[in-house]
Amino acid sequence: QVRLVESGGGLVQPGGSLRLSCTTSGIIFSTFTMGWFRQAPGKERELVASIANGDGTVYADSAKGRFTISTENAKNTVYLQMNSLKPEDTAVYYCNAVYRYSRALTYWGQGTQVTVSS
């Protein structure tokens, strides 16, 4: 059974930081491209950042310079370090895993709420 479990969301003031974690089980972690998406109320889900072994990282323009995606393969975990948070970063953040050899194998976590507000 494949599971993606996110943690680390919460309420933070503008300018603050949060680190999201997504721990996976049931997949061969190194064969998946891992990503973070977010969905704000009334908006479509959008890519924030993704990372694949050997293929580097991709960031949304809104995340460049503020967010960093990384992995810890020994723990089958992907992180999203978010700094200089803004109210417009408020959303539910979802972890995503896509098999590198077939996008038909795509998995999602349950989501974690991030709220940036004073």
N, C-alpha and C. Protein backbone atom coordinates (compact mmCIF):
# COMPACT_ATOMS: atom_id res chain seq x y z
N GLN A 1 0.85 -1.19 0.00
CA GLN A 1 0.00 0.00 0.00
C GLN A 1 0.89 1.25 0.00
N VAL A 2 0.60 2.14 -0.91
CA VAL A 2 1.38 3.38 -1.01
C VAL A 2 0.78 4.43 -0.09
N ARG A 3 1.65 5.08 0.66
CA ARG A 3 1.21 6.16 1.53
C ARG A 3 2.17 7.33 1.43
N LEU A 4 1.60 8.53 1.35
CA LEU A 4 2.35 9.77 1.44
C LEU A 4 1.75 10.56 2.58
N VAL A 5 2.54 10.82 3.60
CA VAL A 5 2.03 11.48 4.80
C VAL A 5 2.77 12.79 5.01
N GLU A 6 2.01 13.89 4.90
CA GLU A 6 2.59 15.22 5.08
C GLU A 6 2.49 15.66 6.54
N SER A 7 3.40 16.52 6.91
CA SER A 7 3.35 17.15 8.22
C SER A 7 4.10 18.48 8.15
N GLY A 8 3.91 19.30 9.18
CA GLY A 8 4.67 20.54 9.27
C GLY A 8 3.89 21.80 8.95
N GLY A 9 2.65 21.65 8.53
CA GLY A 9 1.86 22.84 8.25
C GLY A 9 1.45 23.54 9.53
N GLY A 10 0.84 24.72 9.37
CA GLY A 10 0.38 25.46 10.54
C GLY A 10 0.16 26.91 10.23
N LEU A 11 0.04 27.68 11.29
CA LEU A 11 -0.17 29.13 11.20
C LEU A 11 1.16 29.83 11.45
N VAL A 12 1.51 30.74 10.57
CA VAL A 12 2.77 31.48 10.70
C VAL A 12 2.54 32.93 10.29
N GLN A 13 3.28 33.83 10.88
CA GLN A 13 3.17 35.24 10.53
C GLN A 13 3.90 35.53 9.22
N PRO A 14 3.49 36.57 8.53
CA PRO A 14 4.22 36.96 7.32
C PRO A 14 5.70 37.17 7.62
N GLY A 15 6.54 36.67 6.72
CA GLY A 15 7.98 36.74 6.93
C GLY A 15 8.55 35.54 7.64
N GLY A 16 7.69 34.70 8.18
CA GLY A 16 8.14 33.53 8.92
C GLY A 16 8.49 32.36 8.02
N SER A 17 8.83 31.25 8.67
CA SER A 17 9.27 30.04 7.95
C SER A 17 8.52 28.81 8.44
N LEU A 18 8.40 27.86 7.56
CA LEU A 18 7.88 26.54 7.90
C LEU A 18 8.64 25.51 7.08
N ARG A 19 8.75 24.30 7.61
CA ARG A 19 9.29 23.19 6.84
C ARG A 19 8.26 22.08 6.79
N LEU A 20 7.85 21.77 5.59
CA LEU A 20 6.92 20.67 5.38
C LEU A 20 7.72 19.38 5.13
N SER A 21 7.17 18.28 5.61
CA SER A 21 7.77 16.97 5.38
C SER A 21 6.73 16.05 4.77
N CYS A 22 7.20 15.16 3.94
CA CYS A 22 6.33 14.13 3.35
C CYS A 22 7.10 12.82 3.39
N THR A 23 6.62 11.92 4.21
CA THR A 23 7.25 10.61 4.34
C THR A 23 6.46 9.59 3.54
N THR A 24 7.15 8.84 2.71
CA THR A 24 6.48 7.88 1.84
C THR A 24 6.74 6.46 2.29
N SER A 25 5.83 5.59 1.91
CA SER A 25 6.01 4.16 2.10
C SER A 25 5.32 3.45 0.96
N GLY A 26 5.80 2.25 0.66
CA GLY A 26 5.19 1.46 -0.40
C GLY A 26 5.68 1.78 -1.80
N ILE A 27 6.67 2.67 -1.93
CA ILE A 27 7.25 2.97 -3.24
C ILE A 27 8.77 2.88 -3.15
N ILE A 28 9.39 2.67 -4.31
CA ILE A 28 10.86 2.76 -4.37
C ILE A 28 11.16 4.23 -4.59
N PHE A 29 11.53 4.91 -3.52
CA PHE A 29 11.59 6.36 -3.49
C PHE A 29 12.43 6.93 -4.64
N SER A 30 13.55 6.28 -4.93
CA SER A 30 14.49 6.81 -5.92
C SER A 30 13.96 6.77 -7.34
N THR A 31 12.89 6.03 -7.57
CA THR A 31 12.33 5.92 -8.92
C THR A 31 11.18 6.89 -9.15
N PHE A 32 10.92 7.74 -8.18
CA PHE A 32 9.82 8.69 -8.29
C PHE A 32 10.33 10.13 -8.30
N THR A 33 9.68 10.95 -9.10
CA THR A 33 9.84 12.39 -9.01
C THR A 33 8.89 12.88 -7.92
N MET A 34 9.45 13.59 -6.97
CA MET A 34 8.65 14.07 -5.84
C MET A 34 8.34 15.54 -6.01
N GLY A 35 7.15 15.92 -5.62
CA GLY A 35 6.78 17.32 -5.78
C GLY A 35 5.88 17.80 -4.67
N TRP A 36 5.81 19.11 -4.56
CA TRP A 36 4.86 19.78 -3.68
C TRP A 36 3.96 20.64 -4.54
N PHE A 37 2.65 20.49 -4.32
CA PHE A 37 1.65 21.31 -4.97
C PHE A 37 0.89 22.06 -3.88
N ARG A 38 0.15 23.07 -4.27
CA ARG A 38 -0.70 23.76 -3.31
C ARG A 38 -2.00 24.18 -3.99
N GLN A 39 -3.02 24.31 -3.16
CA GLN A 39 -4.32 24.74 -3.66
C GLN A 39 -4.93 25.70 -2.66
N ALA A 40 -5.13 26.92 -3.12
CA ALA A 40 -5.78 27.94 -2.30
C ALA A 40 -7.28 27.91 -2.58
N PRO A 41 -8.10 28.41 -1.66
CA PRO A 41 -9.55 28.41 -1.87
C PRO A 41 -9.93 29.11 -3.18
N GLY A 42 -10.74 28.43 -3.98
CA GLY A 42 -11.20 29.01 -5.23
C GLY A 42 -10.20 28.99 -6.36
N LYS A 43 -9.05 28.38 -6.13
CA LYS A 43 -8.02 28.33 -7.16
C LYS A 43 -7.69 26.88 -7.51
N GLU A 44 -7.04 26.73 -8.67
CA GLU A 44 -6.63 25.39 -9.08
C GLU A 44 -5.36 24.98 -8.33
N ARG A 45 -5.17 23.68 -8.25
CA ARG A 45 -3.95 23.17 -7.66
C ARG A 45 -2.77 23.51 -8.58
N GLU A 46 -1.68 23.95 -7.98
CA GLU A 46 -0.53 24.37 -8.77
C GLU A 46 0.75 23.78 -8.21
N LEU A 47 1.71 23.56 -9.12
CA LEU A 47 3.01 23.05 -8.72
C LEU A 47 3.77 24.13 -7.98
N VAL A 48 4.38 23.75 -6.86
CA VAL A 48 5.27 24.64 -6.12
C VAL A 48 6.73 24.31 -6.43
N ALA A 49 7.07 23.03 -6.32
CA ALA A 49 8.44 22.60 -6.58
C ALA A 49 8.46 21.09 -6.79
N SER A 50 9.45 20.63 -7.53
CA SER A 50 9.62 19.20 -7.72
C SER A 50 11.10 18.87 -7.76
N ILE A 51 11.40 17.57 -7.49
CA ILE A 51 12.79 17.14 -7.45
C ILE A 51 12.84 15.69 -7.90
N ALA A 52 13.88 15.39 -8.70
CA ALA A 52 14.09 14.03 -9.19
C ALA A 52 15.57 13.72 -9.13
N ASN A 53 15.89 12.51 -8.68
CA ASN A 53 17.30 12.13 -8.59
C ASN A 53 18.00 12.30 -9.93
N GLY A 54 19.02 13.10 -9.94
CA GLY A 54 19.81 13.27 -11.14
C GLY A 54 19.27 14.28 -12.12
N ASP A 55 18.04 14.72 -11.92
CA ASP A 55 17.44 15.66 -12.87
C ASP A 55 17.20 17.04 -12.27
N GLY A 56 17.65 17.25 -11.05
CA GLY A 56 17.57 18.57 -10.47
C GLY A 56 16.20 18.93 -9.95
N THR A 57 16.01 20.23 -9.78
CA THR A 57 14.79 20.75 -9.18
C THR A 57 14.09 21.73 -10.11
N VAL A 58 12.79 21.86 -9.89
CA VAL A 58 11.97 22.82 -10.63
C VAL A 58 11.17 23.60 -9.60
N TYR A 59 11.09 24.91 -9.79
CA TYR A 59 10.34 25.76 -8.88
C TYR A 59 9.36 26.63 -9.65
N ALA A 60 8.20 26.86 -9.06
CA ALA A 60 7.30 27.87 -9.58
C ALA A 60 7.96 29.24 -9.38
N ASP A 61 7.62 30.17 -10.23
CA ASP A 61 8.21 31.51 -10.09
C ASP A 61 7.94 32.09 -8.71
N SER A 62 6.78 31.80 -8.15
CA SER A 62 6.40 32.34 -6.84
C SER A 62 7.25 31.76 -5.71
N ALA A 63 7.89 30.62 -5.97
CA ALA A 63 8.67 29.94 -4.94
C ALA A 63 10.17 30.19 -5.05
N LYS A 64 10.62 30.63 -6.20
CA LYS A 64 12.05 30.81 -6.42
C LYS A 64 12.64 31.82 -5.44
N GLY A 65 13.76 31.42 -4.84
CA GLY A 65 14.45 32.30 -3.90
C GLY A 65 13.91 32.26 -2.50
N ARG A 66 12.75 31.63 -2.29
CA ARG A 66 12.16 31.57 -0.95
C ARG A 66 11.99 30.14 -0.45
N PHE A 67 11.68 29.23 -1.37
CA PHE A 67 11.41 27.83 -1.00
C PHE A 67 12.54 26.94 -1.50
N THR A 68 12.79 25.86 -0.75
CA THR A 68 13.78 24.88 -1.16
C THR A 68 13.22 23.49 -0.97
N ILE A 69 13.24 22.70 -2.03
CA ILE A 69 12.81 21.31 -1.96
C ILE A 69 14.05 20.43 -1.84
N SER A 70 13.94 19.40 -1.00
CA SER A 70 15.07 18.49 -0.82
C SER A 70 14.55 17.12 -0.43
N THR A 71 15.41 16.13 -0.53
CA THR A 71 15.03 14.77 -0.15
C THR A 71 16.03 14.17 0.81
N GLU A 72 15.58 13.23 1.57
CA GLU A 72 16.42 12.42 2.44
C GLU A 72 16.09 10.98 2.10
N ASN A 73 16.86 10.42 1.17
CA ASN A 73 16.52 9.11 0.62
C ASN A 73 16.49 8.01 1.67
N ALA A 74 17.35 8.11 2.66
CA ALA A 74 17.39 7.08 3.70
C ALA A 74 16.09 7.02 4.50
N LYS A 75 15.35 8.14 4.49
CA LYS A 75 14.08 8.19 5.22
C LYS A 75 12.88 8.24 4.27
N ASN A 76 13.15 8.10 2.95
CA ASN A 76 12.06 8.16 1.97
C ASN A 76 11.19 9.40 2.16
N THR A 77 11.84 10.51 2.39
CA THR A 77 11.14 11.74 2.76
C THR A 77 11.56 12.89 1.87
N VAL A 78 10.58 13.71 1.53
CA VAL A 78 10.84 14.94 0.79
C VAL A 78 10.41 16.11 1.68
N TYR A 79 11.19 17.19 1.60
CA TYR A 79 10.93 18.36 2.42
C TYR A 79 10.66 19.58 1.54
N LEU A 80 9.97 20.53 2.12
CA LEU A 80 9.83 21.84 1.49
C LEU A 80 10.10 22.88 2.57
N GLN A 81 11.25 23.50 2.47
CA GLN A 81 11.58 24.59 3.39
C GLN A 81 11.03 25.88 2.80
N MET A 82 10.19 26.55 3.55
CA MET A 82 9.54 27.77 3.07
C MET A 82 9.95 28.93 3.95
N ASN A 83 10.61 29.91 3.36
CA ASN A 83 11.04 31.09 4.08
C ASN A 83 10.35 32.32 3.52
N SER A 84 10.42 33.40 4.27
CA SER A 84 9.82 34.68 3.83
C SER A 84 8.39 34.49 3.36
N LEU A 85 7.62 33.79 4.17
CA LEU A 85 6.25 33.46 3.77
C LEU A 85 5.38 34.70 3.67
N LYS A 86 4.46 34.64 2.71
CA LYS A 86 3.54 35.74 2.42
C LYS A 86 2.11 35.25 2.59
N PRO A 87 1.17 36.17 2.85
CA PRO A 87 -0.23 35.74 2.95
C PRO A 87 -0.71 34.97 1.73
N GLU A 88 -0.21 35.31 0.56
CA GLU A 88 -0.62 34.61 -0.66
C GLU A 88 -0.08 33.18 -0.75
N ASP A 89 0.78 32.79 0.18
CA ASP A 89 1.23 31.40 0.24
C ASP A 89 0.23 30.52 0.99
N THR A 90 -0.79 31.13 1.56
CA THR A 90 -1.80 30.38 2.28
C THR A 90 -2.51 29.41 1.34
N ALA A 91 -2.51 28.13 1.71
CA ALA A 91 -3.09 27.09 0.86
C ALA A 91 -2.97 25.75 1.58
N VAL A 92 -3.63 24.76 1.02
CA VAL A 92 -3.36 23.38 1.41
C VAL A 92 -2.22 22.88 0.52
N TYR A 93 -1.19 22.35 1.13
CA TYR A 93 -0.01 21.86 0.42
C TYR A 93 -0.07 20.33 0.34
N TYR A 94 0.12 19.83 -0.87
CA TYR A 94 0.03 18.41 -1.13
C TYR A 94 1.37 17.86 -1.62
N CYS A 95 1.72 16.72 -1.10
CA CYS A 95 2.88 15.98 -1.57
C CYS A 95 2.45 15.11 -2.75
N ASN A 96 3.33 14.97 -3.71
CA ASN A 96 3.01 14.25 -4.95
C ASN A 96 4.20 13.38 -5.34
N ALA A 97 3.90 12.17 -5.79
CA ALA A 97 4.94 11.26 -6.27
C ALA A 97 4.53 10.73 -7.64
N VAL A 98 5.40 10.89 -8.61
CA VAL A 98 5.13 10.42 -9.97
C VAL A 98 6.25 9.47 -10.38
N TYR A 99 5.86 8.27 -10.78
CA TYR A 99 6.85 7.28 -11.23
C TYR A 99 7.57 7.81 -12.46
N ARG A 100 8.88 7.73 -12.46
CA ARG A 100 9.65 8.38 -13.50
C ARG A 100 9.45 7.74 -14.87
N TYR A 101 8.95 6.49 -14.91
CA TYR A 101 8.84 5.79 -16.19
C TYR A 101 7.40 5.66 -16.65
N SER A 102 6.46 6.12 -15.88
CA SER A 102 5.06 6.11 -16.28
C SER A 102 4.27 7.03 -15.39
N ARG A 103 3.77 8.11 -15.97
CA ARG A 103 2.99 9.06 -15.18
C ARG A 103 1.65 8.48 -14.73
N ALA A 104 1.32 7.31 -15.25
CA ALA A 104 0.08 6.66 -14.79
C ALA A 104 0.18 6.29 -13.31
N LEU A 105 1.40 6.14 -12.82
CA LEU A 105 1.59 5.85 -11.40
C LEU A 105 1.87 7.17 -10.68
N THR A 106 0.81 7.78 -10.21
CA THR A 106 0.88 9.06 -9.51
C THR A 106 0.14 8.94 -8.19
N TYR A 107 0.77 9.43 -7.16
CA TYR A 107 0.19 9.34 -5.82
C TYR A 107 0.19 10.72 -5.15
N TRP A 108 -0.80 10.89 -4.27
CA TRP A 108 -0.95 12.16 -3.56
C TRP A 108 -1.07 11.91 -2.06
N GLY A 109 -0.58 12.88 -1.30
CA GLY A 109 -0.83 12.86 0.13
C GLY A 109 -2.17 13.51 0.43
N GLN A 110 -2.50 13.55 1.72
CA GLN A 110 -3.81 14.06 2.13
C GLN A 110 -3.82 15.58 2.24
N GLY A 111 -2.66 16.20 2.24
CA GLY A 111 -2.57 17.65 2.32
C GLY A 111 -2.34 18.16 3.73
N THR A 112 -1.67 19.30 3.82
CA THR A 112 -1.44 19.96 5.10
C THR A 112 -1.69 21.45 4.91
N GLN A 113 -2.41 22.04 5.85
CA GLN A 113 -2.81 23.44 5.73
C GLN A 113 -1.66 24.36 6.16
N VAL A 114 -1.37 25.34 5.32
CA VAL A 114 -0.43 26.41 5.67
C VAL A 114 -1.19 27.72 5.62
N THR A 115 -1.18 28.43 6.73
CA THR A 115 -1.86 29.72 6.81
C THR A 115 -0.85 30.78 7.21
N VAL A 116 -0.73 31.81 6.38
CA VAL A 116 0.19 32.91 6.66
C VAL A 116 -0.65 34.15 6.97
N SER A 117 -0.62 34.55 8.22
CA SER A 117 -1.47 35.65 8.65
C SER A 117 -0.91 36.27 9.91
N SER A 118 -1.14 37.55 10.05
CA SER A 118 -0.73 38.24 11.28
C SER A 118 -1.90 38.29 12.27
